[in-house]
């Protein structure tokens, strides 16, 4: 798994979603400059576009 890439996608104005493979790891809010992690990244997927 070391060769897998992270996917960072802008999903809103200054709001980015961070994924590893098909799992949502968290998000970054650039306006507030705060990262948010998911409670269980390997549980249900939280992205409505996936």
N, C-alpha and C. Protein backbone atom coordinates (compact mmCIF):
# COMPACT_ATOMS: atom_id res chain seq x y z
N UNK A 1 0.81 -1.19 0.00
CA UNK A 1 0.00 0.00 0.00
C UNK A 1 0.86 1.26 0.00
N UNK A 2 2.15 1.13 0.15
CA UNK A 2 3.01 2.30 0.22
C UNK A 2 3.01 3.09 -1.09
N UNK A 3 2.74 2.46 -2.20
CA UNK A 3 2.75 3.15 -3.49
C UNK A 3 1.42 3.83 -3.82
N UNK A 4 0.41 3.66 -2.97
CA UNK A 4 -0.90 4.28 -3.21
C UNK A 4 -0.81 5.79 -3.01
N UNK A 5 -1.55 6.52 -3.80
CA UNK A 5 -1.56 7.98 -3.72
C UNK A 5 -2.75 8.47 -2.92
N UNK A 6 -2.59 9.63 -2.30
CA UNK A 6 -3.71 10.32 -1.66
C UNK A 6 -4.45 11.10 -2.74
N UNK A 7 -5.75 11.20 -2.59
CA UNK A 7 -6.57 11.99 -3.48
C UNK A 7 -7.07 13.19 -2.68
N UNK A 8 -6.77 14.38 -3.17
CA UNK A 8 -7.24 15.60 -2.51
C UNK A 8 -8.10 16.33 -3.54
N UNK A 9 -9.38 16.50 -3.20
CA UNK A 9 -10.34 17.05 -4.14
C UNK A 9 -11.08 18.24 -3.52
N UNK A 10 -11.18 19.32 -4.28
CA UNK A 10 -11.96 20.48 -3.80
C UNK A 10 -13.44 20.17 -4.00
N UNK A 11 -14.18 20.12 -2.91
CA UNK A 11 -15.61 19.79 -2.97
C UNK A 11 -16.49 20.98 -2.65
N UNK A 12 -15.89 22.08 -2.31
CA UNK A 12 -16.62 23.31 -2.02
C UNK A 12 -15.65 24.46 -2.03
N UNK A 13 -16.16 25.66 -1.85
CA UNK A 13 -15.31 26.83 -1.85
C UNK A 13 -14.37 26.78 -0.64
N UNK A 14 -13.08 26.58 -0.88
CA UNK A 14 -12.04 26.49 0.15
C UNK A 14 -12.25 25.28 1.07
N UNK A 15 -12.88 24.22 0.57
CA UNK A 15 -13.11 23.01 1.36
C UNK A 15 -12.63 21.81 0.54
N UNK A 16 -11.69 21.07 1.09
CA UNK A 16 -11.04 19.97 0.37
C UNK A 16 -11.27 18.66 1.10
N UNK A 17 -11.49 17.59 0.35
CA UNK A 17 -11.69 16.25 0.89
C UNK A 17 -10.43 15.43 0.62
N UNK A 18 -9.94 14.71 1.65
CA UNK A 18 -8.74 13.89 1.54
C UNK A 18 -9.14 12.43 1.57
N UNK A 19 -8.71 11.67 0.55
CA UNK A 19 -9.04 10.24 0.46
C UNK A 19 -7.79 9.41 0.26
N UNK A 20 -7.86 8.19 0.75
CA UNK A 20 -6.84 7.18 0.48
C UNK A 20 -7.56 5.99 -0.11
N UNK A 21 -7.21 5.63 -1.33
CA UNK A 21 -7.92 4.60 -2.09
C UNK A 21 -9.38 5.05 -2.21
N UNK A 22 -10.33 4.34 -1.64
CA UNK A 22 -11.74 4.73 -1.70
C UNK A 22 -12.26 5.17 -0.33
N UNK A 23 -11.37 5.50 0.58
CA UNK A 23 -11.77 5.84 1.94
C UNK A 23 -11.55 7.32 2.23
N UNK A 24 -12.59 7.97 2.75
CA UNK A 24 -12.48 9.37 3.13
C UNK A 24 -11.74 9.46 4.47
N UNK A 25 -10.58 10.12 4.46
CA UNK A 25 -9.79 10.26 5.68
C UNK A 25 -10.16 11.51 6.47
N UNK A 26 -10.57 12.53 5.77
CA UNK A 26 -10.91 13.77 6.44
C UNK A 26 -11.07 14.89 5.44
N UNK A 27 -11.06 16.10 5.95
CA UNK A 27 -11.23 17.27 5.10
C UNK A 27 -10.38 18.41 5.64
N UNK A 28 -10.19 19.40 4.79
CA UNK A 28 -9.43 20.59 5.17
C UNK A 28 -10.28 21.81 4.81
N UNK A 29 -10.50 22.66 5.79
CA UNK A 29 -11.22 23.92 5.58
C UNK A 29 -10.17 25.02 5.52
N UNK A 30 -9.92 25.56 4.32
CA UNK A 30 -8.87 26.55 4.16
C UNK A 30 -9.22 27.90 4.76
N UNK A 31 -10.51 28.22 4.86
CA UNK A 31 -10.90 29.50 5.46
C UNK A 31 -10.60 29.51 6.96
N UNK A 32 -10.93 28.41 7.64
CA UNK A 32 -10.67 28.33 9.08
C UNK A 32 -9.30 27.73 9.38
N UNK A 33 -8.64 27.21 8.33
CA UNK A 33 -7.32 26.58 8.44
C UNK A 33 -7.33 25.44 9.46
N UNK A 34 -8.37 24.60 9.35
CA UNK A 34 -8.47 23.47 10.27
C UNK A 34 -8.70 22.17 9.53
N UNK A 35 -7.94 21.13 9.87
CA UNK A 35 -8.22 19.80 9.32
C UNK A 35 -9.27 19.09 10.17
N UNK A 36 -10.08 18.28 9.55
CA UNK A 36 -11.07 17.47 10.25
C UNK A 36 -10.84 16.01 9.85
N UNK A 37 -10.79 15.11 10.80
CA UNK A 37 -10.65 13.70 10.48
C UNK A 37 -12.00 13.00 10.65
N UNK A 38 -12.16 11.88 9.98
CA UNK A 38 -13.37 11.09 10.16
C UNK A 38 -13.17 10.17 11.35
N UNK A 39 -14.25 9.79 12.01
CA UNK A 39 -14.16 8.90 13.17
C UNK A 39 -13.64 7.52 12.76
N UNK A 40 -14.17 6.99 11.66
CA UNK A 40 -13.77 5.68 11.19
C UNK A 40 -13.62 5.75 9.67
N UNK A 41 -12.40 6.02 9.18
CA UNK A 41 -12.24 6.19 7.74
C UNK A 41 -12.53 4.92 6.94
N UNK A 42 -12.53 3.76 7.58
CA UNK A 42 -12.75 2.52 6.86
C UNK A 42 -14.19 2.01 7.01
N UNK A 43 -15.06 2.87 7.55
CA UNK A 43 -16.48 2.55 7.66
C UNK A 43 -17.20 3.01 6.40
N UNK A 44 -18.43 3.45 6.56
CA UNK A 44 -19.23 3.90 5.42
C UNK A 44 -18.60 5.14 4.80
N UNK A 45 -18.72 5.26 3.50
CA UNK A 45 -18.18 6.39 2.79
C UNK A 45 -19.06 7.61 3.00
N UNK A 46 -18.43 8.77 3.22
CA UNK A 46 -19.20 9.96 3.54
C UNK A 46 -19.40 10.89 2.36
N UNK A 47 -18.68 10.67 1.27
CA UNK A 47 -18.79 11.56 0.12
C UNK A 47 -20.02 11.25 -0.70
N UNK A 48 -20.88 12.23 -0.96
CA UNK A 48 -22.08 11.97 -1.76
C UNK A 48 -21.77 11.74 -3.23
N UNK A 49 -20.59 12.12 -3.68
CA UNK A 49 -20.22 11.96 -5.09
C UNK A 49 -19.58 10.61 -5.37
N UNK A 50 -19.23 9.84 -4.37
CA UNK A 50 -18.52 8.57 -4.58
C UNK A 50 -19.45 7.42 -4.81
